[in-house]
C-alpha atoms as a PDB file:
ATOM      1  CA  MET A   1      31.859 136.697 217.226  1.00  0.00           C
ATOM      2  CA  LYS A   2      29.324 139.245 218.475  1.00  0.00           C
ATOM      3  CA  ILE A   3      30.557 142.839 218.603  1.00  0.00           C
ATOM      4  CA  ASP A   4      29.488 144.564 221.817  1.00  0.00           C
ATOM      5  CA  THR A   5      29.162 148.161 220.606  1.00  0.00           C
ATOM      6  CA  ASN A   6      27.758 149.181 223.988  1.00  0.00           C
ATOM      7  CA  ASP A   7      30.981 148.011 225.644  1.00  0.00           C
ATOM      8  CA  ILE A   8      32.930 150.038 223.071  1.00  0.00           C
ATOM      9  CA  LEU A   9      30.895 153.153 223.892  1.00  0.00           C
ATOM     10  CA  ASN A  10      31.432 152.676 227.629  1.00  0.00           C
ATOM     11  CA  SER A  11      35.168 152.367 227.025  1.00  0.00           C
ATOM     12  CA  ILE A  12      35.170 155.622 225.012  1.00  0.00           C
ATOM     13  CA  MET A  13      33.172 157.419 227.715  1.00  0.00           C
ATOM     14  CA  GLU A  14      35.588 156.221 230.381  1.00  0.00           C
ATOM     15  CA  SER A  15      38.613 157.393 228.397  1.00  0.00           C
ATOM     16  CA  LEU A  16      37.001 160.810 227.894  1.00  0.00           C
ATOM     17  CA  SER A  17      36.311 161.055 231.633  1.00  0.00           C
ATOM     18  CA  ASN A  18      39.967 160.292 232.361  1.00  0.00           C
ATOM     19  CA  ILE A  19      41.380 162.906 230.018  1.00  0.00           C
ATOM     20  CA  ASP A  20      43.915 165.018 231.870  1.00  0.00           C
ATOM     21  CA  TYR A  21      46.678 167.446 231.014  1.00  0.00           C
ATOM     22  CA  ILE A  22      50.063 168.539 232.300  1.00  0.00           C
ATOM     23  CA  ARG A  23      49.531 171.498 234.604  1.00  0.00           C
ATOM     24  CA  SER A  24      52.021 174.313 234.235  1.00  0.00           C
ATOM     25  CA  GLU A  25      53.010 174.066 237.900  1.00  0.00           C
ATOM     26  CA  GLU A  26      54.079 170.447 237.291  1.00  0.00           C
ATOM     27  CA  ILE A  27      56.669 171.585 234.763  1.00  0.00           C
ATOM     28  CA  PRO A  28      60.085 172.060 236.420  1.00  0.00           C
ATOM     29  CA  ASN A  29      60.966 175.710 236.865  1.00  0.00           C
ATOM     30  CA  ILE A  30      64.565 175.025 235.981  1.00  0.00           C
ATOM     31  CA  SER A  31      66.191 174.477 232.604  1.00  0.00           C
ATOM     32  CA  LEU A  32      66.461 170.847 231.541  1.00  0.00           C
ATOM     33  CA  TYR A  33      68.799 168.908 229.313  1.00  0.00           C
ATOM     34  CA  MET A  34      67.242 167.081 226.367  1.00  0.00           C
ATOM     35  CA  ASP A  35      67.240 163.684 228.135  1.00  0.00           C
ATOM     36  CA  GLN A  36      65.395 165.231 231.077  1.00  0.00           C
ATOM     37  CA  VAL A  37      62.825 166.798 228.734  1.00  0.00           C
ATOM     38  CA  THR A  38      62.084 163.501 226.954  1.00  0.00           C
ATOM     39  CA  THR A  39      61.839 161.661 230.298  1.00  0.00           C
ATOM     40  CA  PHE A  40      59.457 164.276 231.722  1.00  0.00           C
ATOM     41  CA  MET A  41      57.208 164.217 228.662  1.00  0.00           C
ATOM     42  CA  ASP A  42      57.170 160.420 228.554  1.00  0.00           C
ATOM     43  CA  GLU A  43      56.165 160.182 232.212  1.00  0.00           C
ATOM     44  CA  GLN A  44      53.530 162.913 232.084  1.00  0.00           C
ATOM     45  CA  LEU A  45      51.881 161.866 228.809  1.00  0.00           C
ATOM     46  CA  ALA A  46      52.157 158.089 229.175  1.00  0.00           C
ATOM     47  CA  SER A  47      48.369 157.746 229.483  1.00  0.00           C
ATOM     48  CA  THR A  48      47.903 159.195 225.977  1.00  0.00           C
ATOM     49  CA  LYS A  49      49.830 156.382 224.298  1.00  0.00           C
ATOM     50  CA  ARG A  50      47.876 154.008 222.109  1.00  0.00           C
ATOM     51  CA  TYR A  51      50.536 151.296 222.391  1.00  0.00           C
ATOM     52  CA  SER A  52      53.020 150.855 225.227  1.00  0.00           C
ATOM     53  CA  ASP A  53      56.047 151.162 222.911  1.00  0.00           C
ATOM     54  CA  ASP A  54      54.846 154.423 221.311  1.00  0.00           C
ATOM     55  CA  LYS A  55      57.287 157.300 221.654  1.00  0.00           C
ATOM     56  CA  ILE A  56      55.965 160.550 223.128  1.00  0.00           C
ATOM     57  CA  LEU A  57      59.089 162.535 222.293  1.00  0.00           C
ATOM     58  CA  THR A  58      62.581 161.683 221.094  1.00  0.00           C
ATOM     59  CA  LYS A  59      65.803 163.641 220.647  1.00  0.00           C
ATOM     60  CA  THR A  60      65.351 163.417 216.884  1.00  0.00           C
ATOM     61  CA  MET A  61      61.857 164.925 217.143  1.00  0.00           C
ATOM     62  CA  ILE A  62      63.111 167.833 219.272  1.00  0.00           C
ATOM     63  CA  ASN A  63      65.965 168.521 216.857  1.00  0.00           C
ATOM     64  CA  ASN A  64      63.542 168.450 213.903  1.00  0.00           C
ATOM     65  CA  TYR A  65      61.149 170.843 215.641  1.00  0.00           C
ATOM     66  CA  THR A  66      64.001 173.276 216.226  1.00  0.00           C
ATOM     67  CA  LYS A  67      65.275 172.894 212.660  1.00  0.00           C
ATOM     68  CA  ASN A  68      61.785 173.562 211.285  1.00  0.00           C
ATOM     69  CA  HIS A  69      61.306 176.639 213.522  1.00  0.00           C
ATOM     70  CA  LEU A  70      58.513 175.163 215.606  1.00  0.00           C
ATOM     71  CA  LEU A  71      60.645 175.353 218.723  1.00  0.00           C
ATOM     72  CA  PRO A  72      63.149 178.079 219.658  1.00  0.00           C
ATOM     73  CA  PRO A  73      66.679 176.717 220.044  1.00  0.00           C
ATOM     74  CA  PRO A  74      67.890 175.710 223.515  1.00  0.00           C
ATOM     75  CA  VAL A  75      70.193 177.956 225.515  1.00  0.00           C
ATOM     76  CA  LYS A  76      73.500 176.211 226.211  1.00  0.00           C
ATOM     77  CA  LYS A  77      71.819 172.875 225.416  1.00  0.00           C
ATOM     78  CA  LYS A  78      69.155 173.474 228.061  1.00  0.00           C
ATOM     79  CA  TYR A  79      65.398 173.809 227.623  1.00  0.00           C
ATOM     80  CA  SER A  80      63.238 176.151 229.691  1.00  0.00           C
ATOM     81  CA  ARG A  81      59.685 175.528 230.930  1.00  0.00           C
ATOM     82  CA  GLU A  82      58.570 177.665 227.934  1.00  0.00           C
ATOM     83  CA  HIS A  83      60.223 175.108 225.658  1.00  0.00           C
ATOM     84  CA  VAL A  84      58.300 172.338 227.416  1.00  0.00           C
ATOM     85  CA  LEU A  85      54.986 174.192 227.024  1.00  0.00           C
ATOM     86  CA  ILE A  86      55.575 174.596 223.290  1.00  0.00           C
ATOM     87  CA  LEU A  87      56.493 170.901 223.031  1.00  0.00           C
ATOM     88  CA  ILE A  88      53.190 169.957 224.689  1.00  0.00           C
ATOM     89  CA  PHE A  89      51.264 172.001 222.111  1.00  0.00           C
ATOM     90  CA  ILE A  90      53.297 170.367 219.319  1.00  0.00           C
ATOM     91  CA  TYR A  91      52.539 166.907 220.724  1.00  0.00           C
ATOM     92  CA  TYR A  92      48.795 167.429 220.420  1.00  0.00           C
ATOM     93  CA  PHE A  93      48.904 169.252 217.076  1.00  0.00           C
ATOM     94  CA  LYS A  94      51.166 166.780 215.270  1.00  0.00           C
ATOM     95  CA  SER A  95      48.499 164.073 215.005  1.00  0.00           C
ATOM     96  CA  ILE A  96      46.325 166.273 212.781  1.00  0.00           C
ATOM     97  CA  LEU A  97      48.500 169.057 211.333  1.00  0.00           C
ATOM     98  CA  SER A  98      51.568 169.237 209.121  1.00  0.00           C
ATOM     99  CA  ILE A  99      54.861 170.637 210.428  1.00  0.00           C
ATOM    100  CA  ARG A 100      54.330 173.762 208.345  1.00  0.00           C
ATOM    101  CA  ASP A 101      50.830 174.318 209.733  1.00  0.00           C
ATOM    102  CA  ILE A 102      52.051 173.836 213.301  1.00  0.00           C
ATOM    103  CA  GLU A 103      54.773 176.413 212.694  1.00  0.00           C
ATOM    104  CA  THR A 104      52.146 178.899 211.442  1.00  0.00           C
ATOM    105  CA  VAL A 105      49.945 178.322 214.502  1.00  0.00           C
ATOM    106  CA  LEU A 106      52.757 178.522 217.058  1.00  0.00           C
ATOM    107  CA  LYS A 107      54.816 181.339 215.551  1.00  0.00           C
ATOM    108  CA  PRO A 108      52.815 184.162 217.219  1.00  0.00           C
ATOM    109  CA  LEU A 109      53.301 182.419 220.578  1.00  0.00           C
ATOM    110  CA  THR A 110      57.027 181.916 220.185  1.00  0.00           C
ATOM    111  CA  GLU A 111      57.553 185.450 218.844  1.00  0.00           C
ATOM    112  CA  LYS A 112      55.439 187.353 221.387  1.00  0.00           C
ATOM    113  CA  TYR A 113      55.284 185.316 224.573  1.00  0.00           C
ATOM    114  CA  PHE A 114      58.251 182.931 224.665  1.00  0.00           C
ATOM    115  CA  SER A 115      60.724 185.414 226.131  1.00  0.00           C
ATOM    116  CA  GLY A 116      58.477 186.240 229.080  1.00  0.00           C
ATOM    117  CA  GLU A 117      58.681 189.966 228.382  1.00  0.00           C
ATOM    118  CA  ALA A 118      55.025 190.358 227.299  1.00  0.00           C
ATOM    119  CA  SER A 119      52.188 191.204 229.671  1.00  0.00           C
ATOM    120  CA  LEU A 120      51.022 187.591 229.410  1.00  0.00           C
ATOM    121  CA  ASP A 121      53.339 184.611 229.807  1.00  0.00           C
ATOM    122  CA  LEU A 122      53.143 181.206 228.120  1.00  0.00           C
ATOM    123  CA  SER A 123      52.090 179.468 231.339  1.00  0.00           C
ATOM    124  CA  SER A 124      49.018 181.711 231.610  1.00  0.00           C
ATOM    125  CA  ILE A 125      48.108 181.101 227.963  1.00  0.00           C
ATOM    126  CA  TYR A 126      48.565 177.341 228.414  1.00  0.00           C
ATOM    127  CA  GLU A 127      46.375 177.228 231.548  1.00  0.00           C
ATOM    128  CA  GLU A 128      43.645 179.261 229.825  1.00  0.00           C
ATOM    129  CA  ILE A 129      43.599 176.905 226.835  1.00  0.00           C
ATOM    130  CA  CYS A 130      43.543 173.801 229.038  1.00  0.00           C
ATOM    131  CA  GLY A 131      40.667 175.237 231.081  1.00  0.00           C
ATOM    132  CA  ILE A 132      38.644 175.790 227.912  1.00  0.00           C
ATOM    133  CA  GLU A 133      39.327 172.261 226.678  1.00  0.00           C
ATOM    134  CA  LYS A 134      38.450 170.615 230.007  1.00  0.00           C
ATOM    135  CA  GLY A 135      35.083 172.368 229.836  1.00  0.00           C
ATOM    136  CA  ARG A 136      34.405 170.773 226.454  1.00  0.00           C
ATOM    137  CA  VAL A 137      34.665 167.148 227.619  1.00  0.00           C
ATOM    138  CA  GLU A 138      31.064 166.756 228.800  1.00  0.00           C
ATOM    139  CA  PRO A 139      29.537 168.321 225.626  1.00  0.00           C
ATOM    140  CA  LEU A 140      31.826 166.056 223.584  1.00  0.00           C
ATOM    141  CA  LYS A 141      30.481 163.016 225.432  1.00  0.00           C
ATOM    142  CA  GLU A 142      26.952 163.996 224.421  1.00  0.00           C
ATOM    143  CA  THR A 143      28.031 164.362 220.774  1.00  0.00           C
ATOM    144  CA  VAL A 144      29.641 160.909 220.834  1.00  0.00           C
ATOM    145  CA  LYS A 145      26.554 159.370 222.460  1.00  0.00           C
ATOM    146  CA  ALA A 146      24.337 160.928 219.765  1.00  0.00           C
ATOM    147  CA  ALA A 147      26.545 159.482 217.004  1.00  0.00           C
ATOM    148  CA  TYR A 148      26.423 156.110 218.730  1.00  0.00           C
ATOM    149  CA  GLU A 149      22.631 156.128 219.065  1.00  0.00           C
ATOM    150  CA  LYS A 150      22.300 157.037 215.381  1.00  0.00           C
ATOM    151  CA  SER A 151      24.585 154.188 214.344  1.00  0.00           C
ATOM    152  CA  LEU A 152      22.449 151.675 216.280  1.00  0.00           C
ATOM    153  CA  SER A 153      19.564 152.265 213.892  1.00  0.00           C
ATOM    154  CA  ALA A 154      21.706 151.918 210.760  1.00  0.00           C
ATOM    155  CA  PHE A 155      21.006 149.185 208.185  1.00  0.00           C
ATOM    156  CA  PRO A 156      17.489 148.376 209.490  1.00  0.00           C
ATOM    157  CA  ASP A 157      16.789 146.015 206.567  1.00  0.00           C
ATOM    158  CA  LEU A 158      19.489 143.601 207.735  1.00  0.00           C
ATOM    159  CA  PRO A 159      18.598 140.938 210.320  1.00  0.00           C
ATOM    160  CA  ASP A 160      20.233 141.314 213.727  1.00  0.00           C
ATOM    161  CA  GLY A 161      23.506 139.453 213.882  1.00  0.00           C
ATOM    162  CA  GLU A 162      27.230 139.726 213.326  1.00  0.00           C
ATOM    163  CA  ASP A 163      27.013 141.314 209.854  1.00  0.00           C
ATOM    164  CA  ARG A 164      24.736 144.103 211.038  1.00  0.00           C
ATOM    165  CA  ASP A 165      26.825 144.622 214.190  1.00  0.00           C
ATOM    166  CA  GLU A 166      29.923 145.081 212.019  1.00  0.00           C
ATOM    167  CA  LEU A 167      28.160 147.611 209.792  1.00  0.00           C
ATOM    168  CA  LYS A 168      26.748 149.519 212.767  1.00  0.00           C
ATOM    169  CA  LEU A 169      30.267 149.774 214.177  1.00  0.00           C
ATOM    170  CA  PHE A 170      31.481 150.931 210.757  1.00  0.00           C
ATOM    171  CA  ALA A 171      28.747 153.598 210.722  1.00  0.00           C
ATOM    172  CA  PHE A 172      29.812 154.779 214.188  1.00  0.00           C
ATOM    173  CA  ILE A 173      33.467 155.025 213.113  1.00  0.00           C
ATOM    174  CA  CYS A 174      32.463 156.924 209.950  1.00  0.00           C
ATOM    175  CA  SER A 175      30.369 159.365 211.967  1.00  0.00           C
ATOM    176  CA  LEU A 176      33.257 160.152 214.334  1.00  0.00           C
ATOM    177  CA  SER A 177      35.672 160.355 211.393  1.00  0.00           C
ATOM    178  CA  PHE A 178      33.418 162.827 209.589  1.00  0.00           C
ATOM    179  CA  ASP A 179      33.581 165.129 212.635  1.00  0.00           C
ATOM    180  CA  VAL A 180      37.381 164.955 212.556  1.00  0.00           C
ATOM    181  CA  TYR A 181      37.440 165.584 208.786  1.00  0.00           C
ATOM    182  CA  LEU A 182      35.237 168.675 209.077  1.00  0.00           C
ATOM    183  CA  LYS A 183      37.154 170.107 212.026  1.00  0.00           C
ATOM    184  CA  LYS A 184      40.495 169.496 210.303  1.00  0.00           C
ATOM    185  CA  ALA A 185      39.193 171.320 207.220  1.00  0.00           C
ATOM    186  CA  MET A 186      38.081 174.262 209.393  1.00  0.00           C
ATOM    187  CA  ILE A 187      41.456 174.374 211.187  1.00  0.00           C
ATOM    188  CA  GLU A 188      43.255 174.439 207.829  1.00  0.00           C
ATOM    189  CA  LYS A 189      41.037 177.331 206.666  1.00  0.00           C
ATOM    190  CA  LEU A 190      41.963 179.292 209.788  1.00  0.00           C
ATOM    191  CA  ILE A 191      45.649 178.533 209.282  1.00  0.00           C
ATOM    192  CA  ASP A 192      45.407 179.726 205.670  1.00  0.00           C
ATOM    193  CA  LYS A 193      43.966 182.994 207.014  1.00  0.00           C
ATOM    194  CA  LEU A 194      46.961 183.309 209.346  1.00  0.00           C
ATOM    195  CA  GLU A 195      49.295 182.703 206.383  1.00  0.00           C
ATOM    196  CA  ASP A 196      47.475 185.370 204.355  1.00  0.00           C
ATOM    197  CA  LYS A 197      47.808 187.888 207.185  1.00  0.00           C
ATOM    198  CA  LYS A 198      51.504 187.092 207.503  1.00  0.00           C
ATOM    199  CA  SER A 199      52.013 187.595 203.744  1.00  0.00           C
ATOM    200  CA  GLU A 200      50.173 190.925 203.826  1.00  0.00           C
ATOM    201  CA  LYS A 201      52.289 192.072 206.763  1.00  0.00           C
ATOM    202  CA  ASN A 202      55.504 191.102 204.988  1.00  0.00           C
END
């Protein structure tokens, strides 16, 4: 069966174009019970699921995040919009970082800005971050296209056909994976720096 790598690229480009995020004004400005939090997250982030039965957030996950100090405990079993904002950050981080690393990254936010007493609130920080990321979608598309074009010329000594198509697709996957590997390594270096600063402070 012929592999249509061009169709695969078009699908990736379309998914990148459709990337969206939960805006802070969409988060209820009232405290929510756990069931309401999981329902809200599931509805708002449904488009990010790979499979329809994937779980965005469960009660067990929330309890584990609180137990591992990623998320401040609820007040009288209710979660504020600040809790929801932190949970959104956790959702995106958890696919690439360990629980410990996520705690290190989020601790300054939960310590300084969670209470709402600082000059900057969590909603403002969240909106700023999302604005930066939205601006990176088009440059990312160009990077993906470049990796795709490079993979098309891979294995030139093989005759055109299914075997070469498979290997070109493999080359494309490897190229994208290498980007993820390098960025993950850089993120971990930055987190180690944060840990070192915390140790020096203590």
